[in-house]
Amino acid sequence: MKRSFTLTSIALTAVFAIACQPSAQHGSGTATAKEPSVTQTGGQTCIRSDGLPNHTTGQFPNRGNPNRIRPQRINVCVSSTPRKGSTPIEVRGSMGIAVNGVMIRPGTADWYDPRSPRGFSRDRSSGWNLEGMGAGVQLGLDQNNAHVDPRGLYHYHGIPTGLVSKLQDGMIGWAADGFPLYLAGPAETSSWRLKSGERPTPPYGAYDGTYVQDWEHLSGSGTLDQCNGGLKNGQFVYFVTDTYPFYPRCLWGQPSQDFRPPRR
């Protein structure tokens, strides 16, 4: 059975009034966040922002992240009435956007590489993909579980603590298919678990969550599905958890083309 979800304009107004009060200090410069705009038109919810968070960030550049936060031109639209399909779609890059206009990008493009001075690179040949949160120190994540890409885009890999403190209803943002993202409570638990044993190839060592391949989905081990999806008040939504996958790595609806990775 397919489910649809609609967030009314009244609810949108309430979410933004609470979460998008523009007061922030950015550790890497003097840029000031502007309140993002949200409009509903033609069956779509469109969010436009400068990509700057409405909360204090860590210092950028830092030892693990050489990039400086810069304002962006973000304009993405998602379905206002998303429908849940029967087959999940894997997503890479940005999988959603927060209510404060900051992009959500849980995965990384970094792979274990012993030949690199940093120990990782864009070379995929090792087969071990750095997990954003598991390798947070190496990647220079700040107190909001976020860091900066080479374009200056500040983005979240895990629960955005600075934003969460401003929320009242727990809605963190929208996934690329239009379903909302909510902060998980005690009743919502991930069904992903660390593998037992040790990695069979370099970097060897115990499965500890540093790499995506350290995790496996065990259906029924948690209350959420493989995409961190579940029901809230009878409606299908995604949840943001404090353990892997943190944010959905797959989506049940059709992702908006606005979330396609940029060409390099």
Protein backbone atom coordinates (compact mmCIF):
# COMPACT_ATOMS: atom_id res chain seq x y z
CA MET A 1 0.00 0.00 0.00
CA LYS A 2 1.30 3.46 -0.88
CA ARG A 3 1.15 6.24 1.66
CA SER A 4 1.16 9.97 1.03
CA PHE A 5 2.05 12.79 3.38
CA THR A 6 1.17 16.47 3.26
CA LEU A 7 2.64 19.16 5.51
CA THR A 8 0.25 22.10 5.61
CA SER A 9 1.34 25.70 5.12
CA ILE A 10 0.33 26.39 8.73
CA ALA A 11 2.64 23.65 9.97
CA LEU A 12 5.43 24.93 7.74
CA THR A 13 5.06 28.41 9.18
CA ALA A 14 5.26 27.07 12.73
CA VAL A 15 8.34 24.98 11.98
CA PHE A 16 10.24 27.86 10.44
CA ALA A 17 9.22 30.40 13.05
CA ILE A 18 10.72 28.21 15.77
CA ALA A 19 13.76 26.76 14.02
CA CYS A 20 15.01 29.52 11.78
CA GLN A 21 15.66 32.44 14.08
CA PRO A 22 18.82 33.84 12.46
CA SER A 23 21.31 34.06 15.30
CA ALA A 24 24.61 32.29 14.82
CA GLN A 25 28.35 32.58 15.12
CA HIS A 26 30.39 30.72 12.54
CA GLY A 27 33.82 29.69 13.67
CA SER A 28 35.38 30.26 10.27
CA GLY A 29 34.24 33.76 9.44
CA THR A 30 31.75 36.58 9.85
CA ALA A 31 28.97 35.36 7.55
CA THR A 32 25.50 35.75 9.05
CA ALA A 33 22.73 33.26 8.34
CA LYS A 34 19.61 34.56 6.62
CA GLU A 35 16.27 32.99 7.35
CA PRO A 36 15.50 30.47 4.59
CA SER A 37 12.34 30.86 2.56
CA VAL A 38 9.85 28.06 1.97
CA THR A 39 7.09 28.13 -0.60
CA GLN A 40 4.52 25.61 -1.78
CA THR A 41 3.61 25.69 -5.43
CA GLY A 42 2.67 23.19 -8.09
CA GLY A 43 2.61 20.30 -5.64
CA GLN A 44 6.10 21.03 -4.42
CA THR A 45 7.68 22.45 -1.28
CA CYS A 46 10.65 24.62 -2.22
CA ILE A 47 13.37 25.74 0.18
CA ARG A 48 15.80 28.52 -0.65
CA SER A 49 18.69 29.41 1.63
CA ASP A 50 22.28 30.61 1.83
CA GLY A 51 23.30 27.34 3.48
CA LEU A 52 24.51 29.03 6.65
CA PRO A 53 23.31 27.52 9.94
CA ASN A 54 21.33 29.45 12.55
CA HIS A 55 23.55 28.16 15.35
CA THR A 56 27.18 28.34 16.42
CA THR A 57 29.57 26.13 14.49
CA GLY A 58 33.00 24.75 15.21
CA GLN A 59 36.20 26.29 13.91
CA PHE A 60 36.80 25.83 10.19
CA PRO A 61 39.33 25.18 8.80
CA ASN A 62 40.52 22.69 11.41
CA ARG A 63 42.96 19.80 11.61
CA GLY A 64 40.59 17.35 9.98
CA ASN A 65 38.85 19.73 7.59
CA PRO A 66 40.76 22.34 5.54
CA ASN A 67 37.69 24.19 4.25
CA ARG A 68 36.09 27.47 5.23
CA ILE A 69 32.31 28.01 5.49
CA ARG A 70 30.96 30.16 2.66
CA PRO A 71 27.43 31.29 1.77
CA GLN A 72 25.75 29.17 -0.89
CA ARG A 73 22.84 29.51 -3.29
CA ILE A 74 20.60 26.62 -2.34
CA ASN A 75 17.23 26.21 -4.02
CA VAL A 76 15.70 22.75 -3.79
CA CYS A 77 12.15 21.48 -4.18
CA VAL A 78 10.57 18.27 -2.92
CA SER A 79 7.16 16.76 -3.39
CA SER A 80 4.49 18.13 -1.05
CA THR A 81 2.60 14.84 -1.35
CA PRO A 82 5.27 12.13 -1.45
CA ARG A 83 4.24 8.55 -2.09
CA LYS A 84 5.94 5.49 -0.64
CA GLY A 85 6.93 2.98 -3.28
CA SER A 86 7.66 -0.72 -2.94
CA THR A 87 11.41 -0.61 -3.59
CA PRO A 88 13.92 1.64 -1.81
CA ILE A 89 16.23 3.84 -3.87
CA GLU A 90 19.83 4.24 -2.72
CA VAL A 91 20.90 7.87 -2.39
CA ARG A 92 24.38 9.35 -2.42
CA GLY A 93 25.48 12.86 -1.62
CA SER A 94 22.83 15.13 -0.16
CA MET A 95 19.73 13.19 0.91
CA GLY A 96 17.75 16.05 2.39
CA ILE A 97 17.67 19.57 3.74
CA ALA A 98 17.14 20.79 7.29
CA VAL A 99 14.48 23.31 8.24
CA ASN A 100 17.22 25.93 8.70
CA GLY A 101 18.34 25.51 5.09
CA VAL A 102 21.47 23.44 5.79
CA MET A 103 22.03 20.44 3.54
CA ILE A 104 22.08 16.91 4.97
CA ARG A 105 24.77 14.62 3.56
CA PRO A 106 25.43 11.59 5.79
CA GLY A 107 27.84 9.68 3.57
CA THR A 108 31.34 10.58 2.39
CA ALA A 109 33.38 10.24 -0.81
CA ASP A 110 36.46 9.19 1.18
CA TRP A 111 37.95 5.69 1.17
CA TYR A 112 40.69 4.04 3.15
CA ASP A 113 44.00 4.67 1.37
CA PRO A 114 47.28 3.86 3.16
CA ARG A 115 49.21 5.71 0.46
CA SER A 116 47.52 9.02 1.27
CA PRO A 117 49.09 11.26 3.95
CA ARG A 118 45.65 11.55 5.56
CA GLY A 119 45.00 7.81 5.40
CA PHE A 120 42.06 8.22 3.02
CA SER A 121 41.34 9.57 -0.45
CA ARG A 122 38.80 9.40 -3.30
CA ASP A 123 40.40 6.14 -4.49
CA ARG A 124 37.78 3.40 -3.96
CA SER A 125 40.08 0.47 -4.58
CA SER A 126 40.32 -0.55 -0.89
CA GLY A 127 36.58 -1.13 -0.72
CA TRP A 128 36.33 0.61 2.68
CA ASN A 129 34.26 3.81 2.62
CA LEU A 130 34.72 6.18 5.56
CA GLU A 131 31.50 6.62 7.52
CA GLY A 132 30.95 10.31 8.28
CA MET A 133 30.14 9.88 11.95
CA GLY A 134 32.41 6.90 12.57
CA ALA A 135 35.37 8.87 11.22
CA GLY A 136 34.19 12.18 12.64
CA VAL A 137 37.53 13.15 14.21
CA GLN A 138 39.45 12.37 11.03
CA LEU A 139 36.97 14.41 8.99
CA GLY A 140 36.88 17.38 11.37
CA LEU A 141 33.20 17.28 12.38
CA ASP A 142 32.11 19.96 14.82
CA GLN A 143 29.74 19.85 17.81
CA ASN A 144 26.77 19.74 15.42
CA ASN A 145 28.10 16.65 13.64
CA ALA A 146 28.81 18.76 10.58
CA HIS A 147 31.72 19.96 8.52
CA VAL A 148 32.51 21.79 5.27
CA ASP A 149 33.13 20.59 1.72
CA PRO A 150 35.63 22.18 -0.71
CA ARG A 151 32.93 24.54 -2.03
CA GLY A 152 32.36 25.92 1.47
CA LEU A 153 29.09 24.06 1.97
CA TYR A 154 28.42 23.38 5.66
CA HIS A 155 26.44 20.15 5.96
CA TYR A 156 25.23 17.67 8.56
CA HIS A 157 26.37 14.06 8.94
CA GLY A 158 24.56 13.32 12.20
CA ILE A 159 22.09 14.84 14.66
CA PRO A 160 22.44 18.65 14.40
CA THR A 161 22.54 19.47 18.11
CA GLY A 162 22.48 23.23 17.62
CA LEU A 163 19.34 23.00 15.51
CA VAL A 164 17.63 20.38 17.68
CA SER A 165 17.81 22.70 20.67
CA LYS A 166 15.58 25.15 18.75
CA LEU A 167 12.90 22.64 17.75
CA GLN A 168 9.60 21.97 19.49
CA ASP A 169 8.03 19.29 17.32
CA GLY A 170 11.21 17.36 16.46
CA MET A 171 10.99 17.92 12.71
CA ILE A 172 14.54 18.32 11.45
CA GLY A 173 13.82 18.72 7.74
CA TRP A 174 12.81 17.00 4.51
CA ALA A 175 14.25 14.04 2.68
CA ALA A 176 14.84 14.40 -1.06
CA ASP A 177 11.62 12.47 -1.77
CA GLY A 178 9.52 14.88 0.29
CA PHE A 179 8.89 12.79 3.39
CA PRO A 180 9.77 14.66 6.61
CA LEU A 181 12.72 13.85 8.85
CA TYR A 182 12.04 13.65 12.59
CA LEU A 183 14.37 13.23 15.51
CA ALA A 184 14.03 9.68 16.80
CA GLY A 185 12.73 9.13 20.31
CA PRO A 186 13.17 6.11 22.61
CA ALA A 187 10.56 4.17 20.63
CA GLU A 188 12.36 4.55 17.28
CA THR A 189 15.50 2.43 16.94
CA SER A 190 17.78 1.63 14.02
CA SER A 191 17.83 -1.89 12.61
CA TRP A 192 21.49 -1.64 11.60
CA ARG A 193 24.14 -3.36 13.72
CA LEU A 194 27.91 -3.58 13.78
CA LYS A 195 29.26 -6.78 12.27
CA SER A 196 31.03 -9.17 14.60
CA GLY A 197 34.66 -10.10 14.13
CA GLU A 198 37.36 -8.25 12.21
CA ARG A 199 37.80 -6.81 8.73
CA PRO A 200 39.32 -9.39 6.37
CA THR A 201 41.38 -6.88 4.37
CA PRO A 202 43.30 -3.66 5.13
CA PRO A 203 42.73 -1.63 7.25
CA TYR A 204 41.95 -4.82 9.22
CA GLY A 205 40.93 -4.38 12.87
CA ALA A 206 37.58 -4.88 14.54
CA TYR A 207 34.38 -3.63 12.97
CA ASP A 208 33.99 -0.41 14.96
CA GLY A 209 31.87 1.83 12.71
CA THR A 210 34.70 3.77 11.09
CA TYR A 211 33.63 2.43 7.70
CA VAL A 212 30.23 1.95 6.09
CA GLN A 213 31.11 -1.69 5.47
CA ASP A 214 31.37 -2.24 9.25
CA TRP A 215 27.57 -2.20 9.42
CA GLU A 216 24.86 -4.64 8.35
CA HIS A 217 21.09 -4.42 8.28
CA LEU A 218 19.30 -6.96 10.45
CA SER A 219 15.59 -6.77 9.77
CA GLY A 220 13.56 -6.70 12.96
CA SER A 221 16.49 -5.84 15.22
CA GLY A 222 15.09 -2.33 15.57
CA THR A 223 11.76 -0.64 15.00
CA LEU A 224 12.81 1.21 11.83
CA ASP A 225 13.28 -0.18 8.33
CA GLN A 226 16.53 -0.20 6.35
CA CYS A 227 15.98 3.43 5.32
CA ASN A 228 15.28 4.58 8.91
CA GLY A 229 11.62 4.86 8.00
CA GLY A 230 8.67 4.31 10.29
CA LEU A 231 5.30 5.68 11.31
CA LYS A 232 4.59 8.84 13.27
CA ASN A 233 0.95 9.49 14.13
CA GLY A 234 -0.03 7.02 11.42
CA GLN A 235 2.01 8.75 8.70
CA PHE A 236 5.20 7.42 7.11
CA VAL A 237 8.27 9.51 7.93
CA TYR A 238 12.02 9.05 8.28
CA PHE A 239 13.82 9.27 11.60
CA VAL A 240 17.23 10.69 12.49
CA THR A 241 18.96 8.34 14.91
CA ASP A 242 22.04 8.60 17.13
CA THR A 243 23.53 5.46 15.59
CA TYR A 244 24.04 4.23 12.04
CA PRO A 245 22.63 5.08 9.54
CA PHE A 246 21.92 8.39 11.38
CA TYR A 247 20.03 9.66 8.30
CA PRO A 248 18.42 7.50 5.59
CA ARG A 249 20.85 6.06 3.04
CA CYS A 250 17.92 4.99 0.86
CA LEU A 251 14.52 6.51 0.16
CA TRP A 252 11.12 4.93 -0.47
CA GLY A 253 9.83 7.79 -2.62
CA GLN A 254 11.19 9.36 -5.80
CA PRO A 255 14.10 11.69 -4.95
CA SER A 256 13.97 15.21 -6.34
CA GLN A 257 16.44 15.89 -9.13
CA ASP A 258 17.52 18.98 -7.18
CA PHE A 259 19.55 16.69 -4.90
CA ARG A 260 21.71 15.21 -7.63
CA PRO A 261 25.43 15.39 -6.80
CA PRO A 262 27.15 18.35 -8.49
CA ARG A 263 29.35 17.64 -11.47
CA ARG A 264 33.06 17.83 -10.79
